[in-house]
Structure formats: C-alpha cells, structure tokens
Amino acid sequence: PDLESRLSSGATFRLHGLSDEDSVAALQKRAAWRGLNLPEDTAAY
C-alpha cells in the first residue's frame, strides 16, 4: 500500500488511443519526422 500511495502522489495521466482522424495526423507527423511527404488521402487510404 505504501508503494501505491507514493507512486500515485504526483500527477496521473491516462493516455488515450487515436481516432481515425488522429491516426491520419499521427501518420503524417511520423512521416514528416522521417523526411517523407505523406498526403492526407494516402494516409486515409
């Protein structure tokens, strides 16, 4: 119990998954980081 209370004493964030719209944006962001141009229609495809 003491470990649980200490590790939860700061900020706790739930990370959410990606919607379809978010997935397109995430793919484009990753592609841009790799130096690629990923058109939105290709990402959606």
ModelCIF file with pLDDT and N, C-alpha, C, O atoms, coordinates in Angstrom:
data_MODEL
#
_entry.id   MODEL 
#
_entity.id                         1 
_entity.type                       polymer 
_entity.pdbx_number_of_molecules   1 
#
_entity_poly.entity_id                      1 
_entity_poly.type                           'polypeptide(L)' 
_entity_poly.nstd_linkage                   no 
_entity_poly.nstd_monomer                   no 
_entity_poly.pdbx_seq_one_letter_code       PDLESRLSSGATFRLHGLSDEDSVAALQKRAAWRGLNLPEDTAAY 
_entity_poly.pdbx_seq_one_letter_code_can   PDLESRLSSGATFRLHGLSDEDSVAALQKRAAWRGLNLPEDTAAY 
_entity_poly.pdbx_strand_id                 A 
#
loop_
_entity_poly_seq.entity_id 
_entity_poly_seq.num 
_entity_poly_seq.mon_id 
_entity_poly_seq.hetero 
1 1  PRO n 
1 2  ASP n 
1 3  LEU n 
1 4  GLU n 
1 5  SER n 
1 6  ARG n 
1 7  LEU n 
1 8  SER n 
1 9  SER n 
1 10 GLY n 
1 11 ALA n 
1 12 THR n 
1 13 PHE n 
1 14 ARG n 
1 15 LEU n 
1 16 HIS n 
1 17 GLY n 
1 18 LEU n 
1 19 SER n 
1 20 ASP n 
1 21 GLU n 
1 22 ASP n 
1 23 SER n 
1 24 VAL n 
1 25 ALA n 
1 26 ALA n 
1 27 LEU n 
1 28 GLN n 
1 29 LYS n 
1 30 ARG n 
1 31 ALA n 
1 32 ALA n 
1 33 TRP n 
1 34 ARG n 
1 35 GLY n 
1 36 LEU n 
1 37 ASN n 
1 38 LEU n 
1 39 PRO n 
1 40 GLU n 
1 41 ASP n 
1 42 THR n 
1 43 ALA n 
1 44 ALA n 
1 45 TYR n 
#
_struct_asym.id          A 
_struct_asym.entity_id   1 
#
loop_
_ma_qa_metric.id 
_ma_qa_metric.mode 
_ma_qa_metric.name 
_ma_qa_metric.software_group_id 
_ma_qa_metric.type 
1 global pLDDT . pLDDT 
2 local  pLDDT . pLDDT 
#
_ma_qa_metric_global.metric_id      1 
_ma_qa_metric_global.metric_value   95.29 
_ma_qa_metric_global.model_id       1 
_ma_qa_metric_global.ordinal_id     1 
#
loop_
_ma_qa_metric_local.label_asym_id 
_ma_qa_metric_local.label_comp_id 
_ma_qa_metric_local.label_seq_id 
_ma_qa_metric_local.metric_id 
_ma_qa_metric_local.metric_value 
_ma_qa_metric_local.model_id 
_ma_qa_metric_local.ordinal_id 
A PRO 1  2 95.00 1 1  
A ASP 2  2 96.00 1 2  
A LEU 3  2 96.00 1 3  
A GLU 4  2 96.00 1 4  
A SER 5  2 95.00 1 5  
A ARG 6  2 95.00 1 6  
A LEU 7  2 96.00 1 7  
A SER 8  2 94.00 1 8  
A SER 9  2 93.00 1 9  
A GLY 10 2 94.00 1 10 
A ALA 11 2 96.00 1 11 
A THR 12 2 98.00 1 12 
A PHE 13 2 98.00 1 13 
A ARG 14 2 98.00 1 14 
A LEU 15 2 98.00 1 15 
A HIS 16 2 97.00 1 16 
A GLY 17 2 94.00 1 17 
A LEU 18 2 94.00 1 18 
A SER 19 2 94.00 1 19 
A ASP 20 2 93.00 1 20 
A GLU 21 2 95.00 1 21 
A ASP 22 2 96.00 1 22 
A SER 23 2 96.00 1 23 
A VAL 24 2 96.00 1 24 
A ALA 25 2 96.00 1 25 
A ALA 26 2 96.00 1 26 
A LEU 27 2 96.00 1 27 
A GLN 28 2 96.00 1 28 
A LYS 29 2 96.00 1 29 
A ARG 30 2 95.00 1 30 
A ALA 31 2 95.00 1 31 
A ALA 32 2 95.00 1 32 
A TRP 33 2 94.00 1 33 
A ARG 34 2 92.00 1 34 
A GLY 35 2 92.00 1 35 
A LEU 36 2 92.00 1 36 
A ASN 37 2 94.00 1 37 
A LEU 38 2 96.00 1 38 
A PRO 39 2 96.00 1 39 
A GLU 40 2 96.00 1 40 
A ASP 41 2 96.00 1 41 
A THR 42 2 96.00 1 42 
A ALA 43 2 96.00 1 43 
A ALA 44 2 95.00 1 44 
A TYR 45 2 95.00 1 45 
#
loop_
_atom_site.group_PDB 
_atom_site.id 
_atom_site.type_symbol 
_atom_site.label_atom_id 
_atom_site.label_alt_id 
_atom_site.label_comp_id 
_atom_site.label_asym_id 
_atom_site.label_entity_id 
_atom_site.label_seq_id 
_atom_site.pdbx_PDB_ins_code 
_atom_site.Cartn_x 
_atom_site.Cartn_y 
_atom_site.Cartn_z 
_atom_site.occupancy 
_atom_site.B_iso_or_equiv 
_atom_site.pdbx_formal_charge 
_atom_site.auth_seq_id 
_atom_site.auth_comp_id 
_atom_site.auth_asym_id 
_atom_site.auth_atom_id 
_atom_site.pdbx_PDB_model_num 
ATOM 1   N N  . PRO A 1 1  ? 0.805  -1.223 0.000   1.00 95.00 ? 1  PRO A N  1 
ATOM 2   C CA . PRO A 1 1  ? 0.000  0.000  0.000   1.00 95.00 ? 1  PRO A CA 1 
ATOM 3   C C  . PRO A 1 1  ? 0.838  1.273  0.000   1.00 95.00 ? 1  PRO A C  1 
ATOM 4   O O  . PRO A 1 1  ? 0.487  2.239  -0.678  1.00 95.00 ? 1  PRO A O  1 
ATOM 5   N N  . ASP A 1 2  ? 1.937  1.291  0.747   1.00 96.00 ? 2  ASP A N  1 
ATOM 6   C CA . ASP A 1 2  ? 2.771  2.484  0.807   1.00 96.00 ? 2  ASP A CA 1 
ATOM 7   C C  . ASP A 1 2  ? 3.397  2.791  -0.550  1.00 96.00 ? 2  ASP A C  1 
ATOM 8   O O  . ASP A 1 2  ? 3.571  3.957  -0.905  1.00 96.00 ? 2  ASP A O  1 
ATOM 9   N N  . LEU A 1 3  ? 3.732  1.754  -1.305  1.00 96.00 ? 3  LEU A N  1 
ATOM 10  C CA . LEU A 1 3  ? 4.303  1.970  -2.643  1.00 96.00 ? 3  LEU A CA 1 
ATOM 11  C C  . LEU A 1 3  ? 3.246  2.562  -3.565  1.00 96.00 ? 3  LEU A C  1 
ATOM 12  O O  . LEU A 1 3  ? 3.521  3.513  -4.297  1.00 96.00 ? 3  LEU A O  1 
ATOM 13  N N  . GLU A 1 4  ? 2.061  2.016  -3.535  1.00 96.00 ? 4  GLU A N  1 
ATOM 14  C CA . GLU A 1 4  ? 0.982  2.531  -4.377  1.00 96.00 ? 4  GLU A CA 1 
ATOM 15  C C  . GLU A 1 4  ? 0.695  3.997  -4.057  1.00 96.00 ? 4  GLU A C  1 
ATOM 16  O O  . GLU A 1 4  ? 0.540  4.813  -4.966  1.00 96.00 ? 4  GLU A O  1 
ATOM 17  N N  . SER A 1 5  ? 0.625  4.333  -2.772  1.00 95.00 ? 5  SER A N  1 
ATOM 18  C CA . SER A 1 5  ? 0.300  5.705  -2.393  1.00 95.00 ? 5  SER A CA 1 
ATOM 19  C C  . SER A 1 5  ? 1.392  6.683  -2.823  1.00 95.00 ? 5  SER A C  1 
ATOM 20  O O  . SER A 1 5  ? 1.099  7.808  -3.229  1.00 95.00 ? 5  SER A O  1 
ATOM 21  N N  . ARG A 1 6  ? 2.636  6.257  -2.735  1.00 95.00 ? 6  ARG A N  1 
ATOM 22  C CA . ARG A 1 6  ? 3.731  7.148  -3.112  1.00 95.00 ? 6  ARG A CA 1 
ATOM 23  C C  . ARG A 1 6  ? 3.800  7.342  -4.628  1.00 95.00 ? 6  ARG A C  1 
ATOM 24  O O  . ARG A 1 6  ? 4.010  8.456  -5.106  1.00 95.00 ? 6  ARG A O  1 
ATOM 25  N N  . LEU A 1 7  ? 3.624  6.265  -5.372  1.00 96.00 ? 7  LEU A N  1 
ATOM 26  C CA . LEU A 1 7  ? 3.703  6.380  -6.828  1.00 96.00 ? 7  LEU A CA 1 
ATOM 27  C C  . LEU A 1 7  ? 2.507  7.126  -7.412  1.00 96.00 ? 7  LEU A C  1 
ATOM 28  O O  . LEU A 1 7  ? 2.571  7.615  -8.540  1.00 96.00 ? 7  LEU A O  1 
ATOM 29  N N  . SER A 1 8  ? 1.434  7.216  -6.660  1.00 94.00 ? 8  SER A N  1 
ATOM 30  C CA . SER A 1 8  ? 0.260  7.965  -7.128  1.00 94.00 ? 8  SER A CA 1 
ATOM 31  C C  . SER A 1 8  ? 0.174  9.347  -6.492  1.00 94.00 ? 8  SER A C  1 
ATOM 32  O O  . SER A 1 8  ? -0.840 10.033 -6.620  1.00 94.00 ? 8  SER A O  1 
ATOM 33  N N  . SER A 1 9  ? 1.249  9.759  -5.799  1.00 93.00 ? 9  SER A N  1 
ATOM 34  C CA . SER A 1 9  ? 1.223  11.044 -5.090  1.00 93.00 ? 9  SER A CA 1 
ATOM 35  C C  . SER A 1 9  ? 1.407  12.237 -6.014  1.00 93.00 ? 9  SER A C  1 
ATOM 36  O O  . SER A 1 9  ? 1.101  13.370 -5.642  1.00 93.00 ? 9  SER A O  1 
ATOM 37  N N  . GLY A 1 10 ? 1.906  11.985 -7.214  1.00 94.00 ? 10 GLY A N  1 
ATOM 38  C CA . GLY A 1 10 ? 2.093  13.070 -8.170  1.00 94.00 ? 10 GLY A CA 1 
ATOM 39  C C  . GLY A 1 10 ? 0.977  13.081 -9.203  1.00 94.00 ? 10 GLY A C  1 
ATOM 40  O O  . GLY A 1 10 ? -0.142 12.649 -8.927  1.00 94.00 ? 10 GLY A O  1 
ATOM 41  N N  . ALA A 1 11 ? 1.288  13.572 -10.379 1.00 96.00 ? 11 ALA A N  1 
ATOM 42  C CA . ALA A 1 11 ? 0.292  13.639 -11.453 1.00 96.00 ? 11 ALA A CA 1 
ATOM 43  C C  . ALA A 1 11 ? 0.080  12.260 -12.069 1.00 96.00 ? 11 ALA A C  1 
ATOM 44  O O  . ALA A 1 11 ? 1.033  11.505 -12.261 1.00 96.00 ? 11 ALA A O  1 
ATOM 45  N N  . THR A 1 12 ? -1.164 11.941 -12.373 1.00 98.00 ? 12 THR A N  1 
ATOM 46  C CA . THR A 1 12 ? -1.519 10.698 -13.058 1.00 98.00 ? 12 THR A CA 1 
ATOM 47  C C  . THR A 1 12 ? -2.234 11.062 -14.354 1.00 98.00 ? 12 THR A C  1 
ATOM 48  O O  . THR A 1 12 ? -3.185 11.843 -14.355 1.00 98.00 ? 12 THR A O  1 
ATOM 49  N N  . PHE A 1 13 ? -1.765 10.488 -15.451 1.00 98.00 ? 13 PHE A N  1 
ATOM 50  C CA . PHE A 1 13 ? -2.357 10.788 -16.754 1.00 98.00 ? 13 PHE A CA 1 
ATOM 51  C C  . PHE A 1 13 ? -2.778 9.495  -17.443 1.00 98.00 ? 13 PHE A C  1 
ATOM 52  O O  . PHE A 1 13 ? -1.989 8.558  -17.563 1.00 98.00 ? 13 PHE A O  1 
ATOM 53  N N  . ARG A 1 14 ? -4.021 9.456  -17.888 1.00 98.00 ? 14 ARG A N  1 
ATOM 54  C CA . ARG A 1 14 ? -4.457 8.359  -18.747 1.00 98.00 ? 14 ARG A CA 1 
ATOM 55  C C  . ARG A 1 14 ? -4.183 8.747  -20.196 1.00 98.00 ? 14 ARG A C  1 
ATOM 56  O O  . ARG A 1 14 ? -4.612 9.807  -20.652 1.00 98.00 ? 14 ARG A O  1 
ATOM 57  N N  . LEU A 1 15 ? -3.467 7.889  -20.915 1.00 98.00 ? 15 LEU A N  1 
ATOM 58  C CA . LEU A 1 15 ? -3.190 8.137  -22.320 1.00 98.00 ? 15 LEU A CA 1 
ATOM 59  C C  . LEU A 1 15 ? -4.296 7.516  -23.166 1.00 98.00 ? 15 LEU A C  1 
ATOM 60  O O  . LEU A 1 15 ? -4.677 6.362  -22.965 1.00 98.00 ? 15 LEU A O  1 
ATOM 61  N N  . HIS A 1 16 ? -4.804 8.297  -24.112 1.00 97.00 ? 16 HIS A N  1 
ATOM 62  C CA . HIS A 1 16 ? -5.917 7.858  -24.946 1.00 97.00 ? 16 HIS A CA 1 
ATOM 63  C C  . HIS A 1 16 ? -5.415 7.388  -26.300 1.00 97.00 ? 16 HIS A C  1 
ATOM 64  O O  . HIS A 1 16 ? -4.400 7.865  -26.808 1.00 97.00 ? 16 HIS A O  1 
ATOM 65  N N  . GLY A 1 17 ? -6.142 6.448  -26.867 1.00 94.00 ? 17 GLY A N  1 
ATOM 66  C CA . GLY A 1 17 ? -5.817 5.953  -28.195 1.00 94.00 ? 17 GLY A CA 1 
ATOM 67  C C  . GLY A 1 17 ? -6.185 6.965  -29.266 1.00 94.00 ? 17 GLY A C  1 
ATOM 68  O O  . GLY A 1 17 ? -6.721 8.034  -28.975 1.00 94.00 ? 17 GLY A O  1 
ATOM 69  N N  . LEU A 1 18 ? -5.888 6.609  -30.509 1.00 94.00 ? 18 LEU A N  1 
ATOM 70  C CA . LEU A 1 18 ? -6.097 7.519  -31.629 1.00 94.00 ? 18 LEU A CA 1 
ATOM 71  C C  . LEU A 1 18 ? -7.427 7.246  -32.335 1.00 94.00 ? 18 LEU A C  1 
ATOM 72  O O  . LEU A 1 18 ? -7.768 6.094  -32.605 1.00 94.00 ? 18 LEU A O  1 
ATOM 73  N N  . SER A 1 19 ? -8.165 8.300  -32.628 1.00 94.00 ? 19 SER A N  1 
ATOM 74  C CA . SER A 1 19 ? -9.319 8.185  -33.505 1.00 94.00 ? 19 SER A CA 1 
ATOM 75  C C  . SER A 1 19 ? -8.809 8.043  -34.942 1.00 94.00 ? 19 SER A C  1 
ATOM 76  O O  . SER A 1 19 ? -7.608 8.164  -35.186 1.00 94.00 ? 19 SER A O  1 
ATOM 77  N N  . ASP A 1 20 ? -9.700 7.792  -35.880 1.00 93.00 ? 20 ASP A N  1 
ATOM 78  C CA . ASP A 1 20 ? -9.266 7.694  -37.281 1.00 93.00 ? 20 ASP A CA 1 
ATOM 79  C C  . ASP A 1 20 ? -8.629 9.003  -37.735 1.00 93.00 ? 20 ASP A C  1 
ATOM 80  O O  . ASP A 1 20 ? -7.610 8.997  -38.426 1.00 93.00 ? 20 ASP A O  1 
ATOM 81  N N  . GLU A 1 21 ? -9.225 10.112 -37.348 1.00 95.00 ? 21 GLU A N  1 
ATOM 82  C CA . GLU A 1 21 ? -8.676 11.414 -37.722 1.00 95.00 ? 21 GLU A CA 1 
ATOM 83  C C  . GLU A 1 21 ? -7.296 11.616 -37.101 1.00 95.00 ? 21 GLU A C  1 
ATOM 84  O O  . GLU A 1 21 ? -6.371 12.106 -37.749 1.00 95.00 ? 21 GLU A O  1 
ATOM 85  N N  . ASP A 1 22 ? -7.180 11.228 -35.839 1.00 96.00 ? 22 ASP A N  1 
ATOM 86  C CA . ASP A 1 22 ? -5.892 11.330 -35.164 1.00 96.00 ? 22 ASP A CA 1 
ATOM 87  C C  . ASP A 1 22 ? -4.853 10.420 -35.824 1.00 96.00 ? 22 ASP A C  1 
ATOM 88  O O  . ASP A 1 22 ? -3.686 10.793 -35.946 1.00 96.00 ? 22 ASP A O  1 
ATOM 89  N N  . SER A 1 23 ? -5.276 9.233  -36.246 1.00 96.00 ? 23 SER A N  1 
ATOM 90  C CA . SER A 1 23 ? -4.352 8.287  -36.869 1.00 96.00 ? 23 SER A CA 1 
ATOM 91  C C  . SER A 1 23 ? -3.747 8.863  -38.136 1.00 96.00 ? 23 SER A C  1 
ATOM 92  O O  . SER A 1 23 ? -2.557 8.687  -38.397 1.00 96.00 ? 23 SER A O  1 
ATOM 93  N N  . VAL A 1 24 ? -4.563 9.549  -38.923 1.00 96.00 ? 24 VAL A N  1 
ATOM 94  C CA . VAL A 1 24 ? -4.063 10.193 -40.136 1.00 96.00 ? 24 VAL A CA 1 
ATOM 95  C C  . VAL A 1 24 ? -3.021 11.248 -39.770 1.00 96.00 ? 24 VAL A C  1 
ATOM 96  O O  . VAL A 1 24 ? -1.944 11.306 -40.364 1.00 96.00 ? 24 VAL A O  1 
ATOM 97  N N  . ALA A 1 25 ? -3.355 12.071 -38.795 1.00 96.00 ? 25 ALA A N  1 
ATOM 98  C CA . ALA A 1 25 ? -2.426 13.126 -38.372 1.00 96.00 ? 25 ALA A CA 1 
ATOM 99  C C  . ALA A 1 25 ? -1.148 12.533 -37.790 1.00 96.00 ? 25 ALA A C  1 
ATOM 100 O O  . ALA A 1 25 ? -0.055 13.047 -38.028 1.00 96.00 ? 25 ALA A O  1 
ATOM 101 N N  . ALA A 1 26 ? -1.290 11.436 -37.018 1.00 96.00 ? 26 ALA A N  1 
ATOM 102 C CA . ALA A 1 26 ? -0.118 10.798 -36.415 1.00 96.00 ? 26 ALA A CA 1 
ATOM 103 C C  . ALA A 1 26 ? 0.790  10.203 -37.483 1.00 96.00 ? 26 ALA A C  1 
ATOM 104 O O  . ALA A 1 26 ? 2.012  10.306 -37.382 1.00 96.00 ? 26 ALA A O  1 
ATOM 105 N N  . LEU A 1 27 ? 0.206  9.582  -38.505 1.00 96.00 ? 27 LEU A N  1 
ATOM 106 C CA . LEU A 1 27 ? 0.997  9.040  -39.603 1.00 96.00 ? 27 LEU A CA 1 
ATOM 107 C C  . LEU A 1 27 ? 1.737  10.146 -40.339 1.00 96.00 ? 27 LEU A C  1 
ATOM 108 O O  . LEU A 1 27 ? 2.909  9.991  -40.682 1.00 96.00 ? 27 LEU A O  1 
ATOM 109 N N  . GLN A 1 28 ? 1.063  11.252 -40.579 1.00 96.00 ? 28 GLN A N  1 
ATOM 110 C CA . GLN A 1 28 ? 1.703  12.368 -41.270 1.00 96.00 ? 28 GLN A CA 1 
ATOM 111 C C  . GLN A 1 28 ? 2.836  12.961 -40.438 1.00 96.00 ? 28 GLN A C  1 
ATOM 112 O O  . GLN A 1 28 ? 3.876  13.342 -40.975 1.00 96.00 ? 28 GLN A O  1 
ATOM 113 N N  . LYS A 1 29 ? 2.630  13.036 -39.140 1.00 96.00 ? 29 LYS A N  1 
ATOM 114 C CA . LYS A 1 29 ? 3.670  13.572 -38.256 1.00 96.00 ? 29 LYS A CA 1 
ATOM 115 C C  . LYS A 1 29 ? 4.894  12.660 -38.246 1.00 96.00 ? 29 LYS A C  1 
ATOM 116 O O  . LYS A 1 29 ? 6.026  13.135 -38.333 1.00 96.00 ? 29 LYS A O  1 
ATOM 117 N N  . ARG A 1 30 ? 4.664  11.335 -38.138 1.00 95.00 ? 30 ARG A N  1 
ATOM 118 C CA . ARG A 1 30 ? 5.781  10.387 -38.143 1.00 95.00 ? 30 ARG A CA 1 
ATOM 119 C C  . ARG A 1 30 ? 6.497  10.428 -39.490 1.00 95.00 ? 30 ARG A C  1 
ATOM 120 O O  . ARG A 1 30 ? 7.725  10.382 -39.551 1.00 95.00 ? 30 ARG A O  1 
ATOM 121 N N  . ALA A 1 31 ? 5.715  10.517 -40.576 1.00 95.00 ? 31 ALA A N  1 
ATOM 122 C CA . ALA A 1 31 ? 6.317  10.575 -41.910 1.00 95.00 ? 31 ALA A CA 1 
ATOM 123 C C  . ALA A 1 31 ? 7.170  11.835 -42.060 1.00 95.00 ? 31 ALA A C  1 
ATOM 124 O O  . ALA A 1 31 ? 8.289  11.772 -42.570 1.00 95.00 ? 31 ALA A O  1 
ATOM 125 N N  . ALA A 1 32 ? 6.647  12.969 -41.620 1.00 95.00 ? 32 ALA A N  1 
ATOM 126 C CA . ALA A 1 32 ? 7.395  14.227 -41.723 1.00 95.00 ? 32 ALA A CA 1 
ATOM 127 C C  . ALA A 1 32 ? 8.684  14.147 -40.920 1.00 95.00 ? 32 ALA A C  1 
ATOM 128 O O  . ALA A 1 32 ? 9.717  14.663 -41.347 1.00 95.00 ? 32 ALA A O  1 
ATOM 129 N N  . TRP A 1 33 ? 8.627  13.497 -39.747 1.00 94.00 ? 33 TRP A N  1 
ATOM 130 C CA . TRP A 1 33 ? 9.839  13.346 -38.939 1.00 94.00 ? 33 TRP A CA 1 
ATOM 131 C C  . TRP A 1 33 ? 10.882 12.518 -39.678 1.00 94.00 ? 33 TRP A C  1 
ATOM 132 O O  . TRP A 1 33 ? 12.082 12.747 -39.523 1.00 94.00 ? 33 TRP A O  1 
ATOM 133 N N  . ARG A 1 34 ? 10.431 11.555 -40.482 1.00 92.00 ? 34 ARG A N  1 
ATOM 134 C CA . ARG A 1 34 ? 11.354 10.732 -41.269 1.00 92.00 ? 34 ARG A CA 1 
ATOM 135 C C  . ARG A 1 34 ? 11.728 11.396 -42.591 1.00 92.00 ? 34 ARG A C  1 
ATOM 136 O O  . ARG A 1 34 ? 12.461 10.814 -43.391 1.00 92.00 ? 34 ARG A O  1 
ATOM 137 N N  . GLY A 1 35 ? 11.230 12.613 -42.828 1.00 92.00 ? 35 GLY A N  1 
ATOM 138 C CA . GLY A 1 35 ? 11.565 13.306 -44.060 1.00 92.00 ? 35 GLY A CA 1 
ATOM 139 C C  . GLY A 1 35 ? 10.712 12.909 -45.241 1.00 92.00 ? 35 GLY A C  1 
ATOM 140 O O  . GLY A 1 35 ? 11.105 13.106 -46.391 1.00 92.00 ? 35 GLY A O  1 
ATOM 141 N N  . LEU A 1 36 ? 9.531  12.344 -44.963 1.00 92.00 ? 36 LEU A N  1 
ATOM 142 C CA . LEU A 1 36 ? 8.631  11.895 -46.013 1.00 92.00 ? 36 LEU A CA 1 
ATOM 143 C C  . LEU A 1 36 ? 7.432  12.828 -46.122 1.00 92.00 ? 36 LEU A C  1 
ATOM 144 O O  . LEU A 1 36 ? 7.012  13.442 -45.141 1.00 92.00 ? 36 LEU A O  1 
ATOM 145 N N  . ASN A 1 37 ? 6.895  12.922 -47.322 1.00 94.00 ? 37 ASN A N  1 
ATOM 146 C CA . ASN A 1 37 ? 5.645  13.646 -47.526 1.00 94.00 ? 37 ASN A CA 1 
ATOM 147 C C  . ASN A 1 37 ? 4.545  12.612 -47.695 1.00 94.00 ? 37 ASN A C  1 
ATOM 148 O O  . ASN A 1 37 ? 4.503  11.901 -48.698 1.00 94.00 ? 37 ASN A O  1 
ATOM 149 N N  . LEU A 1 38 ? 3.654  12.528 -46.713 1.00 96.00 ? 38 LEU A N  1 
ATOM 150 C CA . LEU A 1 38 ? 2.544  11.579 -46.769 1.00 96.00 ? 38 LEU A CA 1 
ATOM 151 C C  . LEU A 1 38 ? 1.256  12.364 -46.950 1.00 96.00 ? 38 LEU A C  1 
ATOM 152 O O  . LEU A 1 38 ? 0.752  12.949 -45.991 1.00 96.00 ? 38 LEU A O  1 
ATOM 153 N N  . PRO A 1 39 ? 0.713  12.386 -48.166 1.00 96.00 ? 39 PRO A N  1 
ATOM 154 C CA . PRO A 1 39 ? -0.534 13.133 -48.399 1.00 96.00 ? 39 PRO A CA 1 
ATOM 155 C C  . PRO A 1 39 ? -1.666 12.600 -47.528 1.00 96.00 ? 39 PRO A C  1 
ATOM 156 O O  . PRO A 1 39 ? -1.689 11.423 -47.167 1.00 96.00 ? 39 PRO A O  1 
ATOM 157 N N  . GLU A 1 40 ? -2.586 13.470 -47.203 1.00 96.00 ? 40 GLU A N  1 
ATOM 158 C CA . GLU A 1 40 ? -3.684 13.079 -46.321 1.00 96.00 ? 40 GLU A CA 1 
ATOM 159 C C  . GLU A 1 40 ? -4.509 11.949 -46.925 1.00 96.00 ? 40 GLU A C  1 
ATOM 160 O O  . GLU A 1 40 ? -4.945 11.045 -46.213 1.00 96.00 ? 40 GLU A O  1 
ATOM 161 N N  . ASP A 1 41 ? -4.724 12.004 -48.255 1.00 96.00 ? 41 ASP A N  1 
ATOM 162 C CA . ASP A 1 41 ? -5.540 10.952 -48.870 1.00 96.00 ? 41 ASP A CA 1 
ATOM 163 C C  . ASP A 1 41 ? -4.837 9.596  -48.828 1.00 96.00 ? 41 ASP A C  1 
ATOM 164 O O  . ASP A 1 41 ? -5.492 8.561  -48.705 1.00 96.00 ? 41 ASP A O  1 
ATOM 165 N N  . THR A 1 42 ? -3.507 9.599  -48.928 1.00 96.00 ? 42 THR A N  1 
ATOM 166 C CA . THR A 1 42 ? -2.762 8.343  -48.832 1.00 96.00 ? 42 THR A CA 1 
ATOM 167 C C  . THR A 1 42 ? -2.822 7.782  -47.421 1.00 96.00 ? 42 THR A C  1 
ATOM 168 O O  . THR A 1 42 ? -2.992 6.578  -47.228 1.00 96.00 ? 42 THR A O  1 
ATOM 169 N N  . ALA A 1 43 ? -2.682 8.668  -46.430 1.00 96.00 ? 43 ALA A N  1 
ATOM 170 C CA . ALA A 1 43 ? -2.768 8.232  -45.036 1.00 96.00 ? 43 ALA A CA 1 
ATOM 171 C C  . ALA A 1 43 ? -4.152 7.652  -44.749 1.00 96.00 ? 43 ALA A C  1 
ATOM 172 O O  . ALA A 1 43 ? -4.272 6.622  -44.085 1.00 96.00 ? 43 ALA A O  1 
ATOM 173 N N  . ALA A 1 44 ? -5.181 8.303  -45.243 1.00 95.00 ? 44 ALA A N  1 
ATOM 174 C CA . ALA A 1 44 ? -6.547 7.815  -45.037 1.00 95.00 ? 44 ALA A CA 1 
ATOM 175 C C  . ALA A 1 44 ? -6.751 6.474  -45.737 1.00 95.00 ? 44 ALA A C  1 
ATOM 176 O O  . ALA A 1 44 ? -7.457 5.606  -45.226 1.00 95.00 ? 44 ALA A O  1 
ATOM 177 N N  . TYR A 1 45 ? -6.141 6.309  -46.888 1.00 95.00 ? 45 TYR A N  1 
ATOM 178 C CA . TYR A 1 45 ? -6.240 5.044  -47.623 1.00 95.00 ? 45 TYR A CA 1 
ATOM 179 C C  . TYR A 1 45 ? -5.621 3.902  -46.820 1.00 95.00 ? 45 TYR A C  1 
ATOM 180 O O  . TYR A 1 45 ? -5.611 2.760  -47.278 1.00 95.00 ? 45 TYR A O  1 
#
